[in-house]
Amino acid sequence: MTNLHTVEKYMSTFVQTIEPTATVEVAEEMMQRLGIRHLPVVSRGKLVGLLSESDIKFYRNFVTGVEARNAEVADVCKNDVFAVDVHASLEYVLNEMEERKLGSVVVLSEGRIAGIFTTLDALAALSKMLHQEQGPSH
């Protein structure tokens, strides 16, 4: 039996990635331009980290000026990325996000990035489920 509520059904499929050697300044500009808060860090086609808007803000609290602009993504990103397969159950992913206090999860298909599932995607999934359960609100 297939779980109808897989992370694949609710993930964001447009995923911009960045190389670990890119500067934090480039990453920040990319995030602002695209209106995103998370960038999977990829080297030679493999996921090696995850850079979030909060990682950049935290870093900027300690380092400023030229040093901050020239820092590489590899120096700022988290390397212990929680990633799941596209067929992972939504319940499992939500439980892990809550337990680990994560804002996003990278979603993989056959080892390649297929999407990203964020807290905003979780809220959209909840809203959709409630709508289906209760019918349209008036």
Foldseek 3Di string as FASTA:
>chain_A
DADPAFVLVQFAQDAAAAEQQDAPLVVVVVCVVVVHFKHFYDDPQAGFFMHGNVLLVVVCVPDDDPCNRNHTNNVRTGRPAAEEERRHGPVVVVVVCVVVVHQKHFYDHPRGTRGMQGVVSVVVVVVVVVCVVPPDDD
